[in-house]
Amino acid sequence: MIQITPQMRVLVAIEPVDFRRGVDGLAQQCRAALAEDPFSGAVFVFRNRQRTAVKLLVFDGQGFWLCHKRLSEGRFRWWPTASQAAAALRAHELQVLLSAGDPSATQAAADWRKVGT
């Protein structure tokens, strides 16, 4: 079973991808467009051109997980924009994104902070 933990890197591809691609095609996209190793254990998030669906690609040490979520209504309103090929999210921000929300509006505490003495 796939579990997204706060320690995992989450990388969101800025540009849309062809959703006919499967595991191998998206792994190649990780290498070519994102310059990342698909075997690193990071969660890679891709969207389709219409912003109605996302795919997550994760390697768990034994094999790849490919998760696909398509919205029944509406579109993913928020998507990162940057000059880079990918943007980083925290695990709780990914959960908000998967609920078609705006992860930039979350006001959660940092994952780690020094405890004052």
C-alpha atoms as a PDB file:
ATOM      1  CA  MET A   1       0.000   0.000   0.000  1.00  0.00           C
ATOM      2  CA  ILE A   2       1.220   3.484  -0.796  1.00  0.00           C
ATOM      3  CA  GLN A   3       1.650   5.849   2.116  1.00  0.00           C
ATOM      4  CA  ILE A   4       2.800   9.433   1.798  1.00  0.00           C
ATOM      5  CA  THR A   5       4.801  10.496   4.842  1.00  0.00           C
ATOM      6  CA  PRO A   6       6.147  13.934   5.805  1.00  0.00           C
ATOM      7  CA  GLN A   7       9.682  12.692   5.127  1.00  0.00           C
ATOM      8  CA  MET A   8       8.998  11.966   1.451  1.00  0.00           C
ATOM      9  CA  ARG A   9       9.966  14.387  -1.282  1.00  0.00           C
ATOM     10  CA  VAL A  10       7.007  15.450  -3.401  1.00  0.00           C
ATOM     11  CA  LEU A  11       7.791  16.926  -6.819  1.00  0.00           C
ATOM     12  CA  VAL A  12       5.074  18.417  -8.992  1.00  0.00           C
ATOM     13  CA  ALA A  13       5.766  18.649 -12.724  1.00  0.00           C
ATOM     14  CA  ILE A  14       4.881  22.119 -13.969  1.00  0.00           C
ATOM     15  CA  GLU A  15       4.093  21.157 -17.565  1.00  0.00           C
ATOM     16  CA  PRO A  16       1.227  18.787 -18.428  1.00  0.00           C
ATOM     17  CA  VAL A  17       2.006  15.296 -19.737  1.00  0.00           C
ATOM     18  CA  ASP A  18       0.301  12.926 -22.133  1.00  0.00           C
ATOM     19  CA  PHE A  19      -1.863  10.715 -19.908  1.00  0.00           C
ATOM     20  CA  ARG A  20      -1.563   7.798 -22.309  1.00  0.00           C
ATOM     21  CA  ARG A  21       1.855   7.304 -20.694  1.00  0.00           C
ATOM     22  CA  GLY A  22       2.173   4.542 -18.159  1.00  0.00           C
ATOM     23  CA  VAL A  23       4.861   3.766 -15.593  1.00  0.00           C
ATOM     24  CA  ASP A  24       7.717   3.554 -18.092  1.00  0.00           C
ATOM     25  CA  GLY A  25       6.726   6.734 -19.923  1.00  0.00           C
ATOM     26  CA  LEU A  26       6.366   8.746 -16.728  1.00  0.00           C
ATOM     27  CA  ALA A  27       9.648   7.361 -15.367  1.00  0.00           C
ATOM     28  CA  GLN A  28      11.297   8.577 -18.569  1.00  0.00           C
ATOM     29  CA  GLN A  29       9.625  11.967 -18.054  1.00  0.00           C
ATOM     30  CA  CYS A  30      11.178  12.104 -14.570  1.00  0.00           C
ATOM     31  CA  ARG A  31      14.629  11.551 -16.053  1.00  0.00           C
ATOM     32  CA  ALA A  32      14.318  13.755 -19.141  1.00  0.00           C
ATOM     33  CA  ALA A  33      12.194  16.734 -18.136  1.00  0.00           C
ATOM     34  CA  LEU A  34      12.622  16.818 -14.361  1.00  0.00           C
ATOM     35  CA  ALA A  35      16.251  15.574 -14.184  1.00  0.00           C
ATOM     36  CA  GLU A  36      15.289  13.301 -11.268  1.00  0.00           C
ATOM     37  CA  ASP A  37      15.772   9.603 -10.588  1.00  0.00           C
ATOM     38  CA  PRO A  38      12.391   7.826 -10.604  1.00  0.00           C
ATOM     39  CA  PHE A  39      13.871   5.158  -8.289  1.00  0.00           C
ATOM     40  CA  SER A  40      14.631   7.749  -5.566  1.00  0.00           C
ATOM     41  CA  GLY A  41      11.408   7.125  -3.642  1.00  0.00           C
ATOM     42  CA  ALA A  42      10.097  10.629  -4.302  1.00  0.00           C
ATOM     43  CA  VAL A  43       6.455  11.161  -5.199  1.00  0.00           C
ATOM     44  CA  PHE A  44       6.165  12.581  -8.713  1.00  0.00           C
ATOM     45  CA  VAL A  45       2.909  14.376  -9.533  1.00  0.00           C
ATOM     46  CA  PHE A  46       1.780  15.000 -13.113  1.00  0.00           C
ATOM     47  CA  ARG A  47      -1.358  16.592 -14.560  1.00  0.00           C
ATOM     48  CA  ASN A  48      -3.163  16.374 -17.862  1.00  0.00           C
ATOM     49  CA  ARG A  49      -3.595  19.339 -20.198  1.00  0.00           C
ATOM     50  CA  GLN A  50      -7.244  19.946 -19.196  1.00  0.00           C
ATOM     51  CA  ARG A  51      -6.374  20.002 -15.449  1.00  0.00           C
ATOM     52  CA  THR A  52      -9.053  17.404 -14.748  1.00  0.00           C
ATOM     53  CA  ALA A  53      -6.732  14.591 -13.662  1.00  0.00           C
ATOM     54  CA  VAL A  54      -3.439  13.918 -11.886  1.00  0.00           C
ATOM     55  CA  LYS A  55      -1.114  10.927 -11.805  1.00  0.00           C
ATOM     56  CA  LEU A  56       1.302  10.063  -9.003  1.00  0.00           C
ATOM     57  CA  LEU A  57       4.354   7.901  -9.618  1.00  0.00           C
ATOM     58  CA  VAL A  58       6.243   6.412  -6.653  1.00  0.00           C
ATOM     59  CA  PHE A  59       8.897   3.706  -6.362  1.00  0.00           C
ATOM     60  CA  ASP A  60       8.552   1.818  -3.043  1.00  0.00           C
ATOM     61  CA  GLY A  61      11.692  -0.307  -3.232  1.00  0.00           C
ATOM     62  CA  GLN A  62       9.977  -3.269  -4.900  1.00  0.00           C
ATOM     63  CA  GLY A  63       8.150  -1.643  -7.755  1.00  0.00           C
ATOM     64  CA  PHE A  64       6.278   1.394  -8.974  1.00  0.00           C
ATOM     65  CA  TRP A  65       2.903   2.676  -7.845  1.00  0.00           C
ATOM     66  CA  LEU A  66       0.935   4.610 -10.447  1.00  0.00           C
ATOM     67  CA  CYS A  67      -2.101   6.381  -9.027  1.00  0.00           C
ATOM     68  CA  HIS A  68      -4.600   8.241 -11.208  1.00  0.00           C
ATOM     69  CA  LYS A  69      -7.242  10.631  -9.930  1.00  0.00           C
ATOM     70  CA  ARG A  70      -9.788  12.218 -12.260  1.00  0.00           C
ATOM     71  CA  LEU A  71     -12.212  14.793 -10.945  1.00  0.00           C
ATOM     72  CA  SER A  72     -15.863  14.086 -11.663  1.00  0.00           C
ATOM     73  CA  GLU A  73     -16.556  17.827 -11.840  1.00  0.00           C
ATOM     74  CA  GLY A  74     -14.404  20.898 -12.260  1.00  0.00           C
ATOM     75  CA  ARG A  75     -10.658  21.263 -12.573  1.00  0.00           C
ATOM     76  CA  PHE A  76      -7.603  21.505 -10.391  1.00  0.00           C
ATOM     77  CA  ARG A  77      -7.592  25.275  -9.925  1.00  0.00           C
ATOM     78  CA  TRP A  78      -4.135  25.538  -8.367  1.00  0.00           C
ATOM     79  CA  TRP A  79      -0.978  24.381 -10.086  1.00  0.00           C
ATOM     80  CA  PRO A  80       2.534  25.692  -9.460  1.00  0.00           C
ATOM     81  CA  THR A  81       4.198  27.988 -11.945  1.00  0.00           C
ATOM     82  CA  ALA A  82       7.933  28.404 -12.007  1.00  0.00           C
ATOM     83  CA  SER A  83      10.925  28.651 -14.283  1.00  0.00           C
ATOM     84  CA  GLN A  84      11.972  25.165 -13.142  1.00  0.00           C
ATOM     85  CA  ALA A  85      10.566  21.897 -14.461  1.00  0.00           C
ATOM     86  CA  ALA A  86       9.187  20.859 -11.050  1.00  0.00           C
ATOM     87  CA  ALA A  87       8.061  22.396  -7.780  1.00  0.00           C
ATOM     88  CA  ALA A  88       8.368  20.823  -4.332  1.00  0.00           C
ATOM     89  CA  LEU A  89       5.387  20.315  -2.045  1.00  0.00           C
ATOM     90  CA  ARG A  90       5.131  19.006   1.498  1.00  0.00           C
ATOM     91  CA  ALA A  91       3.106  15.869   2.175  1.00  0.00           C
ATOM     92  CA  HIS A  92       0.128  17.705   3.698  1.00  0.00           C
ATOM     93  CA  GLU A  93       0.086  20.122   0.743  1.00  0.00           C
ATOM     94  CA  LEU A  94      -0.158  17.145  -1.619  1.00  0.00           C
ATOM     95  CA  GLN A  95      -3.222  15.952   0.296  1.00  0.00           C
ATOM     96  CA  VAL A  96      -4.818  19.378  -0.215  1.00  0.00           C
ATOM     97  CA  LEU A  97      -3.929  19.338  -3.916  1.00  0.00           C
ATOM     98  CA  LEU A  98      -5.485  15.876  -4.335  1.00  0.00           C
ATOM     99  CA  SER A  99      -8.692  17.287  -2.844  1.00  0.00           C
ATOM    100  CA  ALA A 100      -8.666  19.951  -5.614  1.00  0.00           C
ATOM    101  CA  GLY A 101      -7.675  22.594  -3.085  1.00  0.00           C
ATOM    102  CA  ASP A 102      -4.998  25.284  -2.966  1.00  0.00           C
ATOM    103  CA  PRO A 103      -1.895  24.016  -1.119  1.00  0.00           C
ATOM    104  CA  SER A 104      -0.385  27.510  -1.034  1.00  0.00           C
ATOM    105  CA  ALA A 105      -3.227  28.627   1.246  1.00  0.00           C
ATOM    106  CA  THR A 106      -2.560  26.044   3.959  1.00  0.00           C
ATOM    107  CA  GLN A 107      -1.356  27.509   7.220  1.00  0.00           C
ATOM    108  CA  ALA A 108       0.002  24.362   8.814  1.00  0.00           C
ATOM    109  CA  ALA A 109       3.023  24.430  11.067  1.00  0.00           C
ATOM    110  CA  ALA A 110       6.369  23.472   9.598  1.00  0.00           C
ATOM    111  CA  ASP A 111       7.155  19.742   9.511  1.00  0.00           C
ATOM    112  CA  TRP A 112      10.126  20.288  11.818  1.00  0.00           C
ATOM    113  CA  ARG A 113      10.999  23.167  14.075  1.00  0.00           C
ATOM    114  CA  LYS A 114      13.525  23.600  16.837  1.00  0.00           C
ATOM    115  CA  VAL A 115      12.030  23.356  20.291  1.00  0.00           C
ATOM    116  CA  GLY A 116      13.026  26.346  22.394  1.00  0.00           C
ATOM    117  CA  THR A 117      14.659  25.743  25.778  1.00  0.00           C
END
